Amino acid sequence: MDNSHPGLGLLQEAWAVFTDPAHILAELSWTIIQDVVIVWLLYGTLFKKVILPKIRKDIHKEIDLEHGIDH
């Protein structure tokens, strides 16, 4: 199925797609879904559960060494 508008130039067709309510809704929905998944996966899982604990452990270890604390 061809949704292009015959006779319209590139800019007119681009503007028609840009201002199409269905296209706007689809783009917003897809963007929200992607952002939620990416933020949830990268921040919630990878950063908070993998990277942050390692950083905290390294910082804690460095501070202990500076203060001569042995656990």
C-alpha atoms as a PDB file:
ATOM      1  CA  MET A   1       0.000   0.000   0.000  1.00  0.00           C
ATOM      2  CA  ASP A   2       1.480   3.300  -1.088  1.00  0.00           C
ATOM      3  CA  ASN A   3       0.625   6.180   1.240  1.00  0.00           C
ATOM      4  CA  SER A   4       2.514   8.821  -0.708  1.00  0.00           C
ATOM      5  CA  HIS A   5       0.656  11.729  -2.216  1.00  0.00           C
ATOM      6  CA  PRO A   6       1.160  11.839  -5.976  1.00  0.00           C
ATOM      7  CA  GLY A   7       2.009  15.259  -7.291  1.00  0.00           C
ATOM      8  CA  LEU A   8       3.423  16.564  -4.019  1.00  0.00           C
ATOM      9  CA  GLY A   9       7.039  17.569  -3.812  1.00  0.00           C
ATOM     10  CA  LEU A  10       9.422  16.332  -1.211  1.00  0.00           C
ATOM     11  CA  LEU A  11       8.867  19.192   1.222  1.00  0.00           C
ATOM     12  CA  GLN A  12       5.078  19.118   0.881  1.00  0.00           C
ATOM     13  CA  GLU A  13       4.974  15.380   1.471  1.00  0.00           C
ATOM     14  CA  ALA A  14       7.357  15.680   4.421  1.00  0.00           C
ATOM     15  CA  TRP A  15       5.143  18.403   5.921  1.00  0.00           C
ATOM     16  CA  ALA A  16       2.043  16.241   5.388  1.00  0.00           C
ATOM     17  CA  VAL A  17       3.684  13.368   7.282  1.00  0.00           C
ATOM     18  CA  PHE A  18       5.034  15.722   9.962  1.00  0.00           C
ATOM     19  CA  THR A  19       1.602  17.191  10.682  1.00  0.00           C
ATOM     20  CA  ASP A  20      -0.376  13.940  10.384  1.00  0.00           C
ATOM     21  CA  PRO A  21      -1.984  13.262  13.821  1.00  0.00           C
ATOM     22  CA  ALA A  22      -1.720   9.492  13.427  1.00  0.00           C
ATOM     23  CA  HIS A  23       1.968   9.749  12.625  1.00  0.00           C
ATOM     24  CA  ILE A  24       2.569  12.108  15.559  1.00  0.00           C
ATOM     25  CA  LEU A  25       0.807   9.712  17.943  1.00  0.00           C
ATOM     26  CA  ALA A  26       2.761   6.743  16.621  1.00  0.00           C
ATOM     27  CA  GLU A  27       6.078   8.572  16.966  1.00  0.00           C
ATOM     28  CA  LEU A  28       5.300   9.748  20.502  1.00  0.00           C
ATOM     29  CA  SER A  29       4.166   6.293  21.578  1.00  0.00           C
ATOM     30  CA  TRP A  30       7.222   4.600  20.132  1.00  0.00           C
ATOM     31  CA  THR A  31       9.555   7.191  21.680  1.00  0.00           C
ATOM     32  CA  ILE A  32       7.979   6.772  25.122  1.00  0.00           C
ATOM     33  CA  ILE A  33       8.187   2.988  24.890  1.00  0.00           C
ATOM     34  CA  GLN A  34      11.835   3.081  23.831  1.00  0.00           C
ATOM     35  CA  ASP A  35      12.796   5.622  26.481  1.00  0.00           C
ATOM     36  CA  VAL A  36      11.109   3.657  29.249  1.00  0.00           C
ATOM     37  CA  VAL A  37      12.732   0.406  28.192  1.00  0.00           C
ATOM     38  CA  ILE A  38      16.160   1.947  27.696  1.00  0.00           C
ATOM     39  CA  VAL A  39      16.074   3.927  30.935  1.00  0.00           C
ATOM     40  CA  TRP A  40      14.730   0.943  32.863  1.00  0.00           C
ATOM     41  CA  LEU A  41      17.301  -1.432  31.426  1.00  0.00           C
ATOM     42  CA  LEU A  42      20.330   0.793  31.445  1.00  0.00           C
ATOM     43  CA  TYR A  43      19.771   2.795  34.611  1.00  0.00           C
ATOM     44  CA  GLY A  44      17.637   0.454  36.691  1.00  0.00           C
ATOM     45  CA  THR A  45      19.454  -2.734  35.917  1.00  0.00           C
ATOM     46  CA  LEU A  46      22.907  -2.107  34.544  1.00  0.00           C
ATOM     47  CA  PHE A  47      23.868   1.080  36.383  1.00  0.00           C
ATOM     48  CA  LYS A  48      22.193   0.593  39.769  1.00  0.00           C
ATOM     49  CA  LYS A  49      22.944  -3.120  40.119  1.00  0.00           C
ATOM     50  CA  VAL A  50      26.303  -3.491  38.377  1.00  0.00           C
ATOM     51  CA  ILE A  51      28.210  -0.248  37.937  1.00  0.00           C
ATOM     52  CA  LEU A  52      27.205   1.721  41.043  1.00  0.00           C
ATOM     53  CA  PRO A  53      28.045  -1.038  43.568  1.00  0.00           C
ATOM     54  CA  LYS A  54      31.489  -1.438  41.985  1.00  0.00           C
ATOM     55  CA  ILE A  55      32.114   2.309  42.122  1.00  0.00           C
ATOM     56  CA  ARG A  56      30.991   2.451  45.754  1.00  0.00           C
ATOM     57  CA  LYS A  57      33.201  -0.507  46.661  1.00  0.00           C
ATOM     58  CA  ASP A  58      36.216   1.064  44.950  1.00  0.00           C
ATOM     59  CA  ILE A  59      35.632   4.440  46.626  1.00  0.00           C
ATOM     60  CA  HIS A  60      35.137   2.775  50.022  1.00  0.00           C
ATOM     61  CA  LYS A  61      38.330   0.768  49.557  1.00  0.00           C
ATOM     62  CA  GLU A  62      40.278   3.909  48.601  1.00  0.00           C
ATOM     63  CA  ILE A  63      39.007   5.840  51.624  1.00  0.00           C
ATOM     64  CA  ASP A  64      39.877   2.919  53.915  1.00  0.00           C
ATOM     65  CA  LEU A  65      43.431   2.833  52.528  1.00  0.00           C
ATOM     66  CA  GLU A  66      43.831   6.589  53.023  1.00  0.00           C
ATOM     67  CA  HIS A  67      42.707   6.335  56.651  1.00  0.00           C
ATOM     68  CA  GLY A  68      44.578   3.130  57.438  1.00  0.00           C
ATOM     69  CA  ILE A  69      41.440   1.131  58.149  1.00  0.00           C
ATOM     70  CA  ASP A  70      41.664  -2.646  57.764  1.00  0.00           C
ATOM     71  CA  HIS A  71      38.475  -4.693  57.779  1.00  0.00           C
END
